[in-house]
Amino acid sequence: MVRIRVLVVDDHRIFAESLAAALAAEPDVDVSAAGSGPAALRCLERAASEGRRFDVMLVDADLGVPVPDGRPALPVQAVDEDGTVDGISLVSGVRSAQPQVRVVVLAEKDDPARAALALQAGASGWVAKDCSLSRLLTVIRGVLRDETHLPPALLTGVLRELTTARRHRTESEQLVESLTPREREVLRCMVAGLGRKAVAERLYLSPHTVRTHMQNVLGKLGVHSTLAAVALARRAGVGPADLSGDVVERGGQLA
């Protein structure tokens, strides 16, 4: 019998343990649980290093979000937390690091906008937390066949969100394409969070020249702030400059 290895990621202990126990009762399902994003990533890495990768990850849409009374939710595992990772970010991180893992988001309520974000991040499904066990098992087995599962009531809203996002991305890409190579390099530095002085040092330009480039970038993108420029750049798929190695480019002269 081929067994399905499932990782439940939820920072609410009772729900996570109940779900894990219900899934474990299935003869072809092996289940583990993690109480946070960092704990889930460690669990995935450890399993991969031991040659027993997970097949499906079920992640809470509200992972890392404080409960209403301000008290932190109890972790499923006693682990040393090294930061907060929300559910959608976890989806993206897992799909980048281990693309063979199928991810299904478990949600308290239907939310077309967040469901669309989850799909864009690489999720294969969005399922209500109160769905039946048989429904959840159908989704788990379905995503392993490369199916995408959404509640019927969400389908129209999600398609609308994805269409809007695609249109905005296309418009943003056209604006970014209007930039010169040097301006695009400056924009990537802005996306990386570098200020004018840091950009100048990295690109071997004077701060005055960098200021001019930044003003040109804002003008061509049709925005009035660095934050708006960064948001548009991300919609267009522009990533940050790589800050781990040498400077990006040495071609410019000091002005």
C-alpha atoms as a PDB file:
ATOM      1  CA  MET A   1       0.000   0.000   0.000  1.00  0.00           C
ATOM      2  CA  VAL A   2       1.322   3.426  -0.978  1.00  0.00           C
ATOM      3  CA  ARG A   3       1.148   5.679   2.074  1.00  0.00           C
ATOM      4  CA  ILE A   4       0.494   9.419   1.948  1.00  0.00           C
ATOM      5  CA  ARG A   5       2.686  11.486   4.248  1.00  0.00           C
ATOM      6  CA  VAL A   6       0.811  14.558   5.527  1.00  0.00           C
ATOM      7  CA  LEU A   7       2.100  17.469   7.607  1.00  0.00           C
ATOM      8  CA  VAL A   8      -0.525  19.490   9.530  1.00  0.00           C
ATOM      9  CA  VAL A   9       0.616  23.046  10.305  1.00  0.00           C
ATOM     10  CA  ASP A  10      -1.612  24.941  12.728  1.00  0.00           C
ATOM     11  CA  ASP A  11      -0.871  26.960  15.867  1.00  0.00           C
ATOM     12  CA  HIS A  12      -4.104  25.883  17.583  1.00  0.00           C
ATOM     13  CA  ARG A  13      -3.237  22.712  19.451  1.00  0.00           C
ATOM     14  CA  ILE A  14      -6.705  21.194  19.856  1.00  0.00           C
ATOM     15  CA  PHE A  15      -7.601  21.575  16.185  1.00  0.00           C
ATOM     16  CA  ALA A  16      -4.238  20.321  14.952  1.00  0.00           C
ATOM     17  CA  GLU A  17      -4.183  17.289  17.222  1.00  0.00           C
ATOM     18  CA  SER A  18      -7.804  16.405  16.422  1.00  0.00           C
ATOM     19  CA  LEU A  19      -7.200  16.666  12.681  1.00  0.00           C
ATOM     20  CA  ALA A  20      -3.965  14.696  12.885  1.00  0.00           C
ATOM     21  CA  ALA A  21      -5.683  11.939  14.864  1.00  0.00           C
ATOM     22  CA  ALA A  22      -8.555  11.718  12.387  1.00  0.00           C
ATOM     23  CA  LEU A  23      -6.211  11.490   9.415  1.00  0.00           C
ATOM     24  CA  ALA A  24      -3.964   8.960  11.165  1.00  0.00           C
ATOM     25  CA  ALA A  25      -6.938   6.609  11.444  1.00  0.00           C
ATOM     26  CA  GLU A  26      -6.828   6.187   7.667  1.00  0.00           C
ATOM     27  CA  PRO A  27      -4.849   3.058   6.713  1.00  0.00           C
ATOM     28  CA  ASP A  28      -2.863   4.819   3.963  1.00  0.00           C
ATOM     29  CA  VAL A  29      -2.044   8.104   5.741  1.00  0.00           C
ATOM     30  CA  ASP A  30       0.947   8.966   7.955  1.00  0.00           C
ATOM     31  CA  VAL A  31       0.620  12.280   9.818  1.00  0.00           C
ATOM     32  CA  SER A  32       2.946  14.701  11.591  1.00  0.00           C
ATOM     33  CA  ALA A  33       2.146  18.120  13.033  1.00  0.00           C
ATOM     34  CA  ALA A  34       3.935  21.437  13.495  1.00  0.00           C
ATOM     35  CA  GLY A  35       2.754  24.449  15.450  1.00  0.00           C
ATOM     36  CA  SER A  36       4.377  27.255  13.453  1.00  0.00           C
ATOM     37  CA  GLY A  37       5.907  28.138  10.119  1.00  0.00           C
ATOM     38  CA  PRO A  38       9.528  27.770  11.299  1.00  0.00           C
ATOM     39  CA  ALA A  39       8.696  24.430  12.939  1.00  0.00           C
ATOM     40  CA  ALA A  40       7.088  23.236   9.699  1.00  0.00           C
ATOM     41  CA  LEU A  41      10.133  24.208   7.640  1.00  0.00           C
ATOM     42  CA  ARG A  42      12.434  22.356  10.029  1.00  0.00           C
ATOM     43  CA  CYS A  43      10.162  19.328   9.883  1.00  0.00           C
ATOM     44  CA  LEU A  44      10.193  19.343   6.076  1.00  0.00           C
ATOM     45  CA  GLU A  45      13.968  19.730   5.930  1.00  0.00           C
ATOM     46  CA  ARG A  46      14.551  16.931   8.437  1.00  0.00           C
ATOM     47  CA  ALA A  47      12.221  14.574   6.562  1.00  0.00           C
ATOM     48  CA  ALA A  48      13.919  15.360   3.252  1.00  0.00           C
ATOM     49  CA  SER A  49      17.368  14.707   4.710  1.00  0.00           C
ATOM     50  CA  GLU A  50      16.154  11.329   5.953  1.00  0.00           C
ATOM     51  CA  GLY A  51      14.675  10.384   2.576  1.00  0.00           C
ATOM     52  CA  ARG A  52      11.058  10.439   3.722  1.00  0.00           C
ATOM     53  CA  ARG A  53       9.640  13.590   2.172  1.00  0.00           C
ATOM     54  CA  PHE A  54       6.095  14.740   2.875  1.00  0.00           C
ATOM     55  CA  ASP A  55       3.524  14.516   0.096  1.00  0.00           C
ATOM     56  CA  VAL A  56       0.950  17.046   1.301  1.00  0.00           C
ATOM     57  CA  MET A  57       1.048  19.939   3.757  1.00  0.00           C
ATOM     58  CA  LEU A  58      -2.176  21.253   5.320  1.00  0.00           C
ATOM     59  CA  VAL A  59      -1.559  24.795   6.547  1.00  0.00           C
ATOM     60  CA  ASP A  60      -3.774  27.161   8.516  1.00  0.00           C
ATOM     61  CA  ALA A  61      -4.612  30.285   6.502  1.00  0.00           C
ATOM     62  CA  ASP A  62      -4.328  32.332   9.724  1.00  0.00           C
ATOM     63  CA  LEU A  63      -1.046  30.788  10.861  1.00  0.00           C
ATOM     64  CA  GLY A  64       0.933  33.278  12.914  1.00  0.00           C
ATOM     65  CA  VAL A  65      -2.019  35.653  13.382  1.00  0.00           C
ATOM     66  CA  PRO A  66      -2.583  36.550  17.090  1.00  0.00           C
ATOM     67  CA  VAL A  67      -5.807  35.329  18.666  1.00  0.00           C
ATOM     68  CA  PRO A  68      -8.393  38.036  19.530  1.00  0.00           C
ATOM     69  CA  ASP A  69      -7.487  38.298  23.225  1.00  0.00           C
ATOM     70  CA  GLY A  70      -3.831  38.854  22.378  1.00  0.00           C
ATOM     71  CA  ARG A  71      -2.544  35.618  23.885  1.00  0.00           C
ATOM     72  CA  PRO A  72      -0.339  33.473  21.643  1.00  0.00           C
ATOM     73  CA  ALA A  73      -1.783  30.161  20.543  1.00  0.00           C
ATOM     74  CA  LEU A  74      -0.102  27.077  21.987  1.00  0.00           C
ATOM     75  CA  PRO A  75       2.382  25.409  19.637  1.00  0.00           C
ATOM     76  CA  VAL A  76       1.739  21.821  18.618  1.00  0.00           C
ATOM     77  CA  GLN A  77       5.390  20.991  19.134  1.00  0.00           C
ATOM     78  CA  ALA A  78       7.713  22.289  21.824  1.00  0.00           C
ATOM     79  CA  VAL A  79      10.189  24.041  19.568  1.00  0.00           C
ATOM     80  CA  ASP A  80      12.377  27.108  19.857  1.00  0.00           C
ATOM     81  CA  GLU A  81      10.636  29.653  17.670  1.00  0.00           C
ATOM     82  CA  ASP A  82      12.920  31.778  15.519  1.00  0.00           C
ATOM     83  CA  GLY A  83      10.330  34.016  13.920  1.00  0.00           C
ATOM     84  CA  THR A  84       6.766  34.229  12.696  1.00  0.00           C
ATOM     85  CA  VAL A  85       5.788  32.905   9.276  1.00  0.00           C
ATOM     86  CA  ASP A  86       2.226  33.467   8.113  1.00  0.00           C
ATOM     87  CA  GLY A  87       0.309  30.812   6.206  1.00  0.00           C
ATOM     88  CA  ILE A  88       0.525  32.318   2.718  1.00  0.00           C
ATOM     89  CA  SER A  89       4.254  33.065   3.067  1.00  0.00           C
ATOM     90  CA  LEU A  90       4.804  29.495   4.225  1.00  0.00           C
ATOM     91  CA  VAL A  91       3.077  28.201   1.088  1.00  0.00           C
ATOM     92  CA  SER A  92       5.436  30.221  -1.102  1.00  0.00           C
ATOM     93  CA  GLY A  93       8.526  29.162   0.844  1.00  0.00           C
ATOM     94  CA  VAL A  94       7.666  25.478   0.776  1.00  0.00           C
ATOM     95  CA  ARG A  95       6.799  25.450  -2.914  1.00  0.00           C
ATOM     96  CA  SER A  96      10.126  27.129  -3.696  1.00  0.00           C
ATOM     97  CA  ALA A  97      12.203  24.816  -1.509  1.00  0.00           C
ATOM     98  CA  GLN A  98      10.329  21.545  -2.053  1.00  0.00           C
ATOM     99  CA  PRO A  99       8.094  21.855  -5.138  1.00  0.00           C
ATOM    100  CA  GLN A 100       7.037  18.218  -4.927  1.00  0.00           C
ATOM    101  CA  VAL A 101       5.065  18.966  -1.725  1.00  0.00           C
ATOM    102  CA  ARG A 102       1.428  19.779  -2.456  1.00  0.00           C
ATOM    103  CA  VAL A 103      -0.026  22.454  -0.171  1.00  0.00           C
ATOM    104  CA  VAL A 104      -3.657  22.807   0.876  1.00  0.00           C
ATOM    105  CA  VAL A 105      -4.774  25.861   2.883  1.00  0.00           C
ATOM    106  CA  LEU A 106      -7.328  25.346   5.654  1.00  0.00           C
ATOM    107  CA  ALA A 107      -9.469  28.425   6.281  1.00  0.00           C
ATOM    108  CA  GLU A 108     -12.004  29.549   8.862  1.00  0.00           C
ATOM    109  CA  LYS A 109     -13.990  31.462   6.231  1.00  0.00           C
ATOM    110  CA  ASP A 110     -14.254  31.922   2.486  1.00  0.00           C
ATOM    111  CA  ASP A 111     -12.080  34.779   1.257  1.00  0.00           C
ATOM    112  CA  PRO A 112     -11.624  35.052  -2.539  1.00  0.00           C
ATOM    113  CA  ALA A 113      -8.764  37.553  -2.274  1.00  0.00           C
ATOM    114  CA  ARG A 114      -6.715  35.442   0.125  1.00  0.00           C
ATOM    115  CA  ALA A 115      -7.566  32.227  -1.708  1.00  0.00           C
ATOM    116  CA  ALA A 116      -6.249  33.818  -4.915  1.00  0.00           C
ATOM    117  CA  LEU A 117      -3.055  34.843  -3.099  1.00  0.00           C
ATOM    118  CA  ALA A 118      -2.655  31.280  -1.843  1.00  0.00           C
ATOM    119  CA  LEU A 119      -3.002  29.877  -5.366  1.00  0.00           C
ATOM    120  CA  GLN A 120      -0.526  32.437  -6.689  1.00  0.00           C
ATOM    121  CA  ALA A 121       1.881  31.357  -3.941  1.00  0.00           C
ATOM    122  CA  GLY A 122       1.616  27.763  -5.151  1.00  0.00           C
ATOM    123  CA  ALA A 123      -1.201  26.215  -3.103  1.00  0.00           C
ATOM    124  CA  SER A 124      -3.188  23.419  -4.730  1.00  0.00           C
ATOM    125  CA  GLY A 125      -6.331  23.929  -2.702  1.00  0.00           C
ATOM    126  CA  TRP A 126      -8.339  26.063  -0.271  1.00  0.00           C
ATOM    127  CA  VAL A 127     -10.632  24.119   2.052  1.00  0.00           C
ATOM    128  CA  ALA A 128     -12.911  25.114   4.928  1.00  0.00           C
ATOM    129  CA  LYS A 129     -11.668  23.982   8.334  1.00  0.00           C
ATOM    130  CA  ASP A 130     -15.102  22.611   9.158  1.00  0.00           C
ATOM    131  CA  CYS A 131     -15.354  20.444   6.041  1.00  0.00           C
ATOM    132  CA  SER A 132     -15.952  16.715   6.502  1.00  0.00           C
ATOM    133  CA  LEU A 133     -13.059  14.289   6.811  1.00  0.00           C
ATOM    134  CA  SER A 134     -14.158  12.553   3.628  1.00  0.00           C
ATOM    135  CA  ARG A 135     -14.057  15.871   1.761  1.00  0.00           C
ATOM    136  CA  LEU A 136     -10.564  16.630   3.079  1.00  0.00           C
ATOM    137  CA  LEU A 137      -9.308  13.184   2.097  1.00  0.00           C
ATOM    138  CA  THR A 138     -10.743  13.706  -1.387  1.00  0.00           C
ATOM    139  CA  VAL A 139      -8.809  16.962  -1.655  1.00  0.00           C
ATOM    140  CA  ILE A 140      -5.587  15.390  -0.340  1.00  0.00           C
ATOM    141  CA  ARG A 141      -5.757  12.566  -2.845  1.00  0.00           C
ATOM    142  CA  GLY A 142      -6.835  14.952  -5.598  1.00  0.00           C
ATOM    143  CA  VAL A 143      -3.920  17.383  -5.249  1.00  0.00           C
ATOM    144  CA  LEU A 144      -1.539  14.434  -5.531  1.00  0.00           C
ATOM    145  CA  ARG A 145      -3.035  13.961  -9.013  1.00  0.00           C
ATOM    146  CA  ASP A 146      -2.215  17.625  -9.732  1.00  0.00           C
ATOM    147  CA  GLU A 147      -5.816  18.743  -9.256  1.00  0.00           C
ATOM    148  CA  THR A 148      -6.695  22.163  -7.848  1.00  0.00           C
ATOM    149  CA  HIS A 149      -9.527  22.241  -5.300  1.00  0.00           C
ATOM    150  CA  LEU A 150     -11.653  25.254  -4.364  1.00  0.00           C
ATOM    151  CA  PRO A 151     -15.114  25.491  -2.762  1.00  0.00           C
ATOM    152  CA  PRO A 152     -17.663  26.122  -5.567  1.00  0.00           C
ATOM    153  CA  ALA A 153     -18.842  29.302  -3.828  1.00  0.00           C
ATOM    154  CA  LEU A 154     -15.322  30.752  -4.119  1.00  0.00           C
ATOM    155  CA  LEU A 155     -14.636  29.914  -7.727  1.00  0.00           C
ATOM    156  CA  THR A 156     -16.090  33.038  -9.372  1.00  0.00           C
ATOM    157  CA  GLY A 157     -14.467  35.388  -6.843  1.00  0.00           C
ATOM    158  CA  VAL A 158     -11.060  33.715  -7.122  1.00  0.00           C
ATOM    159  CA  LEU A 159     -11.127  33.809 -10.921  1.00  0.00           C
ATOM    160  CA  ARG A 160     -11.993  37.518 -10.762  1.00  0.00           C
ATOM    161  CA  GLU A 161      -9.100  38.170  -8.361  1.00  0.00           C
ATOM    162  CA  LEU A 162      -6.634  36.229 -10.514  1.00  0.00           C
ATOM    163  CA  THR A 163      -7.767  38.046 -13.661  1.00  0.00           C
ATOM    164  CA  THR A 164      -7.360  41.422 -11.970  1.00  0.00           C
ATOM    165  CA  ALA A 165      -3.932  40.468 -10.631  1.00  0.00           C
ATOM    166  CA  ARG A 166      -2.837  39.324 -14.091  1.00  0.00           C
ATOM    167  CA  ARG A 167      -3.981  42.595 -15.652  1.00  0.00           C
ATOM    168  CA  HIS A 168      -2.149  44.637 -13.002  1.00  0.00           C
ATOM    169  CA  ARG A 169       0.966  42.526 -13.495  1.00  0.00           C
ATOM    170  CA  THR A 170       0.883  43.097 -17.250  1.00  0.00           C
ATOM    171  CA  GLU A 171       0.506  46.854 -16.798  1.00  0.00           C
ATOM    172  CA  SER A 172       3.308  46.893 -14.219  1.00  0.00           C
ATOM    173  CA  GLU A 173       5.589  44.856 -16.494  1.00  0.00           C
ATOM    174  CA  GLN A 174       5.075  47.374 -19.313  1.00  0.00           C
ATOM    175  CA  LEU A 175       6.026  50.242 -17.012  1.00  0.00           C
ATOM    176  CA  VAL A 176       9.151  48.450 -15.783  1.00  0.00           C
ATOM    177  CA  GLU A 177      10.162  47.733 -19.382  1.00  0.00           C
ATOM    178  CA  SER A 178      10.224  51.501 -19.995  1.00  0.00           C
ATOM    179  CA  LEU A 179      13.173  51.833 -17.590  1.00  0.00           C
ATOM    180  CA  THR A 180      16.768  51.871 -18.753  1.00  0.00           C
ATOM    181  CA  PRO A 181      19.034  48.990 -17.631  1.00  0.00           C
ATOM    182  CA  ARG A 182      20.616  51.253 -14.992  1.00  0.00           C
ATOM    183  CA  GLU A 183      17.208  52.387 -13.718  1.00  0.00           C
ATOM    184  CA  ARG A 184      16.071  48.750 -13.461  1.00  0.00           C
ATOM    185  CA  GLU A 185      19.199  47.988 -11.435  1.00  0.00           C
ATOM    186  CA  VAL A 186      18.410  50.892  -9.125  1.00  0.00           C
ATOM    187  CA  LEU A 187      14.832  49.624  -8.821  1.00  0.00           C
ATOM    188  CA  ARG A 188      16.090  46.157  -7.801  1.00  0.00           C
ATOM    189  CA  CYS A 189      18.182  47.827  -5.099  1.00  0.00           C
ATOM    190  CA  MET A 190      15.088  49.698  -3.929  1.00  0.00           C
ATOM    191  CA  VAL A 191      13.188  46.394  -3.769  1.00  0.00           C
ATOM    192  CA  ALA A 192      16.035  45.035  -1.637  1.00  0.00           C
ATOM    193  CA  GLY A 193      15.448  47.889   0.814  1.00  0.00           C
ATOM    194  CA  LEU A 194      18.622  49.853   0.107  1.00  0.00           C
ATOM    195  CA  GLY A 195      18.695  53.596   0.685  1.00  0.00           C
ATOM    196  CA  ARG A 196      20.272  56.149  -1.629  1.00  0.00           C
ATOM    197  CA  LYS A 197      23.726  55.985  -0.020  1.00  0.00           C
ATOM    198  CA  ALA A 198      23.793  52.183  -0.059  1.00  0.00           C
ATOM    199  CA  VAL A 199      22.696  52.104  -3.710  1.00  0.00           C
ATOM    200  CA  ALA A 200      25.425  54.602  -4.569  1.00  0.00           C
ATOM    201  CA  GLU A 201      28.095  52.475  -2.898  1.00  0.00           C
ATOM    202  CA  ARG A 202      26.824  49.302  -4.502  1.00  0.00           C
ATOM    203  CA  LEU A 203      26.640  50.645  -8.049  1.00  0.00           C
ATOM    204  CA  TYR A 204      29.719  52.899  -7.802  1.00  0.00           C
ATOM    205  CA  LEU A 205      27.668  56.022  -8.399  1.00  0.00           C
ATOM    206  CA  SER A 206      27.438  59.326  -6.580  1.00  0.00           C
ATOM    207  CA  PRO A 207      24.417  59.875  -4.280  1.00  0.00           C
ATOM    208  CA  HIS A 208      23.375  62.738  -6.570  1.00  0.00           C
ATOM    209  CA  THR A 209      23.308  60.412  -9.589  1.00  0.00           C
ATOM    210  CA  VAL A 210      21.370  57.803  -7.638  1.00  0.00           C
ATOM    211  CA  ARG A 211      18.862  60.443  -6.593  1.00  0.00           C
ATOM    212  CA  THR A 212      18.345  61.352 -10.249  1.00  0.00           C
ATOM    213  CA  HIS A 213      17.894  57.701 -11.198  1.00  0.00           C
ATOM    214  CA  MET A 214      15.380  57.203  -8.388  1.00  0.00           C
ATOM    215  CA  GLN A 215      13.407  60.262  -9.455  1.00  0.00           C
ATOM    216  CA  ASN A 216      13.376  58.959 -13.029  1.00  0.00           C
ATOM    217  CA  VAL A 217      12.181  55.553 -11.825  1.00  0.00           C
ATOM    218  CA  LEU A 218       9.305  57.083  -9.864  1.00  0.00           C
ATOM    219  CA  GLY A 219       8.341  59.288 -12.793  1.00  0.00           C
ATOM    220  CA  LYS A 220       8.348  56.492 -15.383  1.00  0.00           C
ATOM    221  CA  LEU A 221       6.428  54.170 -13.068  1.00  0.00           C
ATOM    222  CA  GLY A 222       3.883  56.894 -12.337  1.00  0.00           C
ATOM    223  CA  VAL A 223       4.238  56.687  -8.542  1.00  0.00           C
ATOM    224  CA  HIS A 224       5.185  59.182  -5.869  1.00  0.00           C
ATOM    225  CA  SER A 225       7.049  57.134  -3.275  1.00  0.00           C
ATOM    226  CA  THR A 226       9.647  54.404  -2.955  1.00  0.00           C
ATOM    227  CA  LEU A 227       7.097  52.122  -1.276  1.00  0.00           C
ATOM    228  CA  ALA A 228       4.732  52.463  -4.224  1.00  0.00           C
ATOM    229  CA  ALA A 229       7.577  51.786  -6.655  1.00  0.00           C
ATOM    230  CA  VAL A 230       8.565  48.648  -4.754  1.00  0.00           C
ATOM    231  CA  ALA A 231       4.963  47.415  -4.694  1.00  0.00           C
ATOM    232  CA  LEU A 232       4.641  47.942  -8.459  1.00  0.00           C
ATOM    233  CA  ALA A 233       7.998  46.243  -9.059  1.00  0.00           C
ATOM    234  CA  ARG A 234       6.915  43.184  -7.102  1.00  0.00           C
ATOM    235  CA  ARG A 235       3.675  42.979  -9.101  1.00  0.00           C
ATOM    236  CA  ALA A 236       5.814  42.982 -12.219  1.00  0.00           C
ATOM    237  CA  GLY A 237       7.926  40.147 -10.877  1.00  0.00           C
ATOM    238  CA  VAL A 238      11.020  42.266 -10.206  1.00  0.00           C
ATOM    239  CA  GLY A 239      13.105  40.646  -7.497  1.00  0.00           C
ATOM    240  CA  PRO A 240      15.537  42.332  -5.113  1.00  0.00           C
ATOM    241  CA  ALA A 241      19.180  42.834  -5.950  1.00  0.00           C
ATOM    242  CA  ASP A 242      21.347  39.973  -4.707  1.00  0.00           C
ATOM    243  CA  LEU A 243      23.082  41.371  -1.633  1.00  0.00           C
ATOM    244  CA  SER A 244      25.013  38.218  -0.800  1.00  0.00           C
ATOM    245  CA  GLY A 245      27.795  38.596  -3.351  1.00  0.00           C
ATOM    246  CA  ASP A 246      29.765  41.321  -5.036  1.00  0.00           C
ATOM    247  CA  VAL A 247      28.327  44.630  -6.177  1.00  0.00           C
ATOM    248  CA  VAL A 248      25.757  44.433  -8.930  1.00  0.00           C
ATOM    249  CA  GLU A 249      27.579  46.467 -11.515  1.00  0.00           C
ATOM    250  CA  ARG A 250      30.735  48.561 -11.775  1.00  0.00           C
ATOM    251  CA  GLY A 251      30.060  50.412 -15.013  1.00  0.00           C
ATOM    252  CA  GLY A 252      28.920  53.816 -13.772  1.00  0.00           C
ATOM    253  CA  GLN A 253      31.195  56.772 -13.136  1.00  0.00           C
ATOM    254  CA  LEU A 254      30.941  59.134 -10.237  1.00  0.00           C
ATOM    255  CA  ALA A 255      29.095  62.300 -11.002  1.00  0.00           C
END
